[in-house]
Amino acid sequence: LGLSGTAAGVLLAHAVPAAGYGTLYFLGVFSVFDSRLEDEARSLGASPRQTLLRVVLPLLRRPLADGFLLGFLVSWSQVPLTLLVGGGAVRALPIEVFALVRSGQDAAAATGALVLLLPAVAALAATRLGAARTEVMAP
């Protein structure tokens, strides 16, 4: 396929495990989704598009965001896949941090490590803020 050593190949390699986790996550989400709400919206005269935009998507907004963050964090941790498929031509930030540590550039490695923490901290903050907003909005 000619994907070895290309960014497209690395992207595809990262999508496979992320899609697996996302599929399992959304199977759980949709198993508890109450489809009667869609039926009720339609019985009140909502079109399929209105039902999607006004009922389904607002209910799935948080799970969609959580699923995206889960997929991103799974992909973010796939250093071996980047090395295997990228073949050294595509270098992700975790690989660069390891190279900086090996070369003794501790300050640059520490900066890279802090940048590596940002997505996890952002995901945690988004989850906490979302949970706080849900608690405030609950009757």
C-alpha atoms as a PDB file:
ATOM      1  CA  LEU A   1       0.000   0.000   0.000  1.00  0.00           C
ATOM      2  CA  GLY A   2       2.973   2.308   0.309  1.00  0.00           C
ATOM      3  CA  LEU A   3       1.985   3.605   3.750  1.00  0.00           C
ATOM      4  CA  SER A   4       5.217   2.711   5.529  1.00  0.00           C
ATOM      5  CA  GLY A   5       7.170   5.771   6.573  1.00  0.00           C
ATOM      6  CA  THR A   6       4.314   8.169   5.823  1.00  0.00           C
ATOM      7  CA  ALA A   7       2.130  10.317   8.033  1.00  0.00           C
ATOM      8  CA  ALA A   8      -0.957   8.733   6.441  1.00  0.00           C
ATOM      9  CA  GLY A   9       0.277   5.285   7.471  1.00  0.00           C
ATOM     10  CA  VAL A  10       0.889   6.422  11.037  1.00  0.00           C
ATOM     11  CA  LEU A  11      -2.548   8.062  11.148  1.00  0.00           C
ATOM     12  CA  LEU A  12      -4.191   4.861   9.938  1.00  0.00           C
ATOM     13  CA  ALA A  13      -2.207   2.773  12.439  1.00  0.00           C
ATOM     14  CA  HIS A  14      -3.328   5.057  15.267  1.00  0.00           C
ATOM     15  CA  ALA A  15      -6.952   4.953  14.121  1.00  0.00           C
ATOM     16  CA  VAL A  16      -7.213   1.171  14.516  1.00  0.00           C
ATOM     17  CA  PRO A  17      -6.809   0.903  18.332  1.00  0.00           C
ATOM     18  CA  ALA A  18      -8.616   4.205  18.883  1.00  0.00           C
ATOM     19  CA  ALA A  19     -11.574   2.951  16.837  1.00  0.00           C
ATOM     20  CA  GLY A  20     -11.621  -0.266  18.863  1.00  0.00           C
ATOM     21  CA  TYR A  21     -11.838   1.574  22.165  1.00  0.00           C
ATOM     22  CA  GLY A  22     -14.357   4.012  20.701  1.00  0.00           C
ATOM     23  CA  THR A  23     -16.554   1.181  19.462  1.00  0.00           C
ATOM     24  CA  LEU A  24     -16.592  -0.494  22.865  1.00  0.00           C
ATOM     25  CA  TYR A  25     -17.324   2.835  24.556  1.00  0.00           C
ATOM     26  CA  PHE A  26     -20.206   3.697  22.239  1.00  0.00           C
ATOM     27  CA  LEU A  27     -21.688   0.200  22.503  1.00  0.00           C
ATOM     28  CA  GLY A  28     -22.059   0.936  26.197  1.00  0.00           C
ATOM     29  CA  VAL A  29     -23.460   4.413  25.571  1.00  0.00           C
ATOM     30  CA  PHE A  30     -26.061   3.242  23.075  1.00  0.00           C
ATOM     31  CA  SER A  31     -27.064   0.249  25.200  1.00  0.00           C
ATOM     32  CA  VAL A  32     -28.466   2.638  27.828  1.00  0.00           C
ATOM     33  CA  PHE A  33     -29.766   5.275  25.386  1.00  0.00           C
ATOM     34  CA  ASP A  34     -33.540   5.573  25.704  1.00  0.00           C
ATOM     35  CA  SER A  35     -34.899   5.412  22.162  1.00  0.00           C
ATOM     36  CA  ARG A  36     -38.375   6.209  23.496  1.00  0.00           C
ATOM     37  CA  LEU A  37     -37.280   9.850  23.589  1.00  0.00           C
ATOM     38  CA  GLU A  38     -36.921   9.788  19.814  1.00  0.00           C
ATOM     39  CA  ASP A  39     -40.348   8.191  19.483  1.00  0.00           C
ATOM     40  CA  GLU A  40     -41.848  10.847  21.745  1.00  0.00           C
ATOM     41  CA  ALA A  41     -40.263  13.656  19.745  1.00  0.00           C
ATOM     42  CA  ARG A  42     -41.643  12.206  16.524  1.00  0.00           C
ATOM     43  CA  SER A  43     -45.087  11.763  18.073  1.00  0.00           C
ATOM     44  CA  LEU A  44     -45.019  15.460  18.974  1.00  0.00           C
ATOM     45  CA  GLY A  45     -44.444  16.328  15.318  1.00  0.00           C
ATOM     46  CA  ALA A  46     -40.653  16.596  15.095  1.00  0.00           C
ATOM     47  CA  SER A  47     -39.090  15.645  11.792  1.00  0.00           C
ATOM     48  CA  PRO A  48     -36.238  13.105  11.785  1.00  0.00           C
ATOM     49  CA  ARG A  49     -33.760  15.987  11.413  1.00  0.00           C
ATOM     50  CA  GLN A  50     -35.312  17.935  14.297  1.00  0.00           C
ATOM     51  CA  THR A  51     -35.251  14.785  16.414  1.00  0.00           C
ATOM     52  CA  LEU A  52     -31.565  14.337  15.679  1.00  0.00           C
ATOM     53  CA  LEU A  53     -30.643  17.978  16.300  1.00  0.00           C
ATOM     54  CA  ARG A  54     -32.886  18.702  19.290  1.00  0.00           C
ATOM     55  CA  VAL A  55     -33.090  15.366  21.096  1.00  0.00           C
ATOM     56  CA  VAL A  56     -30.371  12.894  20.152  1.00  0.00           C
ATOM     57  CA  LEU A  57     -27.308  15.139  19.743  1.00  0.00           C
ATOM     58  CA  PRO A  58     -27.888  17.143  22.952  1.00  0.00           C
ATOM     59  CA  LEU A  59     -28.180  13.867  24.866  1.00  0.00           C
ATOM     60  CA  LEU A  60     -25.044  12.482  23.227  1.00  0.00           C
ATOM     61  CA  ARG A  61     -22.955  15.663  23.420  1.00  0.00           C
ATOM     62  CA  ARG A  62     -21.046  14.583  26.518  1.00  0.00           C
ATOM     63  CA  PRO A  63     -20.527  10.939  25.439  1.00  0.00           C
ATOM     64  CA  LEU A  64     -19.341  12.123  22.007  1.00  0.00           C
ATOM     65  CA  ALA A  65     -16.804  14.457  23.620  1.00  0.00           C
ATOM     66  CA  ASP A  66     -15.681  11.730  26.026  1.00  0.00           C
ATOM     67  CA  GLY A  67     -15.347   9.245  23.167  1.00  0.00           C
ATOM     68  CA  PHE A  68     -13.251  11.698  21.165  1.00  0.00           C
ATOM     69  CA  LEU A  69     -10.968  12.311  24.153  1.00  0.00           C
ATOM     70  CA  LEU A  70     -10.651   8.566  24.778  1.00  0.00           C
ATOM     71  CA  GLY A  71      -9.670   7.958  21.164  1.00  0.00           C
ATOM     72  CA  PHE A  72      -7.203  10.830  21.234  1.00  0.00           C
ATOM     73  CA  LEU A  73      -5.541   9.623  24.431  1.00  0.00           C
ATOM     74  CA  VAL A  74      -5.324   6.046  23.143  1.00  0.00           C
ATOM     75  CA  SER A  75      -3.694   7.317  19.964  1.00  0.00           C
ATOM     76  CA  TRP A  76      -1.400   9.617  21.941  1.00  0.00           C
ATOM     77  CA  SER A  77       0.066   6.627  23.787  1.00  0.00           C
ATOM     78  CA  GLN A  78       0.870   4.524  20.705  1.00  0.00           C
ATOM     79  CA  VAL A  79       4.621   5.091  20.526  1.00  0.00           C
ATOM     80  CA  PRO A  80       5.409   1.562  19.250  1.00  0.00           C
ATOM     81  CA  LEU A  81       2.967   1.949  16.358  1.00  0.00           C
ATOM     82  CA  THR A  82       4.570   5.228  15.367  1.00  0.00           C
ATOM     83  CA  LEU A  83       8.005   3.623  15.394  1.00  0.00           C
ATOM     84  CA  LEU A  84       6.854   0.535  13.527  1.00  0.00           C
ATOM     85  CA  VAL A  85       4.813   2.199  10.792  1.00  0.00           C
ATOM     86  CA  GLY A  86       6.653   5.517  10.670  1.00  0.00           C
ATOM     87  CA  GLY A  87      10.014   3.800  10.384  1.00  0.00           C
ATOM     88  CA  GLY A  88      11.820   6.787  11.872  1.00  0.00           C
ATOM     89  CA  ALA A  89      10.614   9.109   9.102  1.00  0.00           C
ATOM     90  CA  VAL A  90       7.566  10.188  11.112  1.00  0.00           C
ATOM     91  CA  ARG A  91       8.506  11.263  14.615  1.00  0.00           C
ATOM     92  CA  ALA A  92       5.856  11.902  17.221  1.00  0.00           C
ATOM     93  CA  LEU A  93       6.441  13.986  20.337  1.00  0.00           C
ATOM     94  CA  PRO A  94       6.890  10.988  22.700  1.00  0.00           C
ATOM     95  CA  ILE A  95       9.656   9.681  20.431  1.00  0.00           C
ATOM     96  CA  GLU A  96      11.317  13.089  20.408  1.00  0.00           C
ATOM     97  CA  VAL A  97      11.190  13.244  24.213  1.00  0.00           C
ATOM     98  CA  PHE A  98      12.895   9.840  24.475  1.00  0.00           C
ATOM     99  CA  ALA A  99      15.567  11.000  22.023  1.00  0.00           C
ATOM    100  CA  LEU A 100      16.130  14.164  24.074  1.00  0.00           C
ATOM    101  CA  VAL A 101      16.515  12.127  27.274  1.00  0.00           C
ATOM    102  CA  ARG A 102      19.044   9.815  25.615  1.00  0.00           C
ATOM    103  CA  SER A 103      21.044  12.759  24.295  1.00  0.00           C
ATOM    104  CA  GLY A 104      21.197  14.402  27.733  1.00  0.00           C
ATOM    105  CA  GLN A 105      19.084  17.456  26.896  1.00  0.00           C
ATOM    106  CA  ASP A 106      17.169  17.368  30.148  1.00  0.00           C
ATOM    107  CA  ALA A 107      15.560  20.816  29.935  1.00  0.00           C
ATOM    108  CA  ALA A 108      14.148  20.177  26.474  1.00  0.00           C
ATOM    109  CA  ALA A 109      13.015  16.683  27.527  1.00  0.00           C
ATOM    110  CA  ALA A 110      11.236  18.124  30.577  1.00  0.00           C
ATOM    111  CA  THR A 111       9.483  20.689  28.387  1.00  0.00           C
ATOM    112  CA  GLY A 112       8.402  17.958  25.994  1.00  0.00           C
ATOM    113  CA  ALA A 113       7.162  15.845  28.892  1.00  0.00           C
ATOM    114  CA  LEU A 114       5.045  18.744  30.131  1.00  0.00           C
ATOM    115  CA  VAL A 115       3.576  19.153  26.653  1.00  0.00           C
ATOM    116  CA  LEU A 116       2.804  15.415  26.673  1.00  0.00           C
ATOM    117  CA  LEU A 117       0.792  15.912  29.868  1.00  0.00           C
ATOM    118  CA  LEU A 118      -1.413  18.650  28.401  1.00  0.00           C
ATOM    119  CA  PRO A 119      -3.947  16.389  26.619  1.00  0.00           C
ATOM    120  CA  ALA A 120      -4.427  14.248  29.727  1.00  0.00           C
ATOM    121  CA  VAL A 121      -4.871  17.319  31.936  1.00  0.00           C
ATOM    122  CA  ALA A 122      -7.268  18.849  29.399  1.00  0.00           C
ATOM    123  CA  ALA A 123      -9.293  15.615  29.308  1.00  0.00           C
ATOM    124  CA  LEU A 124      -9.439  15.497  33.100  1.00  0.00           C
ATOM    125  CA  ALA A 125     -10.472  19.154  33.308  1.00  0.00           C
ATOM    126  CA  ALA A 126     -13.142  18.697  30.636  1.00  0.00           C
ATOM    127  CA  THR A 127     -14.534  15.668  32.454  1.00  0.00           C
ATOM    128  CA  ARG A 128     -14.580  17.463  35.802  1.00  0.00           C
ATOM    129  CA  LEU A 129     -16.174  20.597  34.341  1.00  0.00           C
ATOM    130  CA  GLY A 130     -18.738  18.518  32.481  1.00  0.00           C
ATOM    131  CA  ALA A 131     -19.615  16.613  35.649  1.00  0.00           C
ATOM    132  CA  ALA A 132     -19.925  19.866  37.613  1.00  0.00           C
ATOM    133  CA  ARG A 133     -22.197  21.375  34.938  1.00  0.00           C
ATOM    134  CA  THR A 134     -24.349  18.247  34.919  1.00  0.00           C
ATOM    135  CA  GLU A 135     -24.760  18.402  38.698  1.00  0.00           C
ATOM    136  CA  VAL A 136     -25.724  22.082  38.559  1.00  0.00           C
ATOM    137  CA  MET A 137     -28.245  21.475  35.772  1.00  0.00           C
ATOM    138  CA  ALA A 138     -29.895  18.476  37.438  1.00  0.00           C
ATOM    139  CA  PRO A 139     -33.260  19.295  39.088  1.00  0.00           C
END
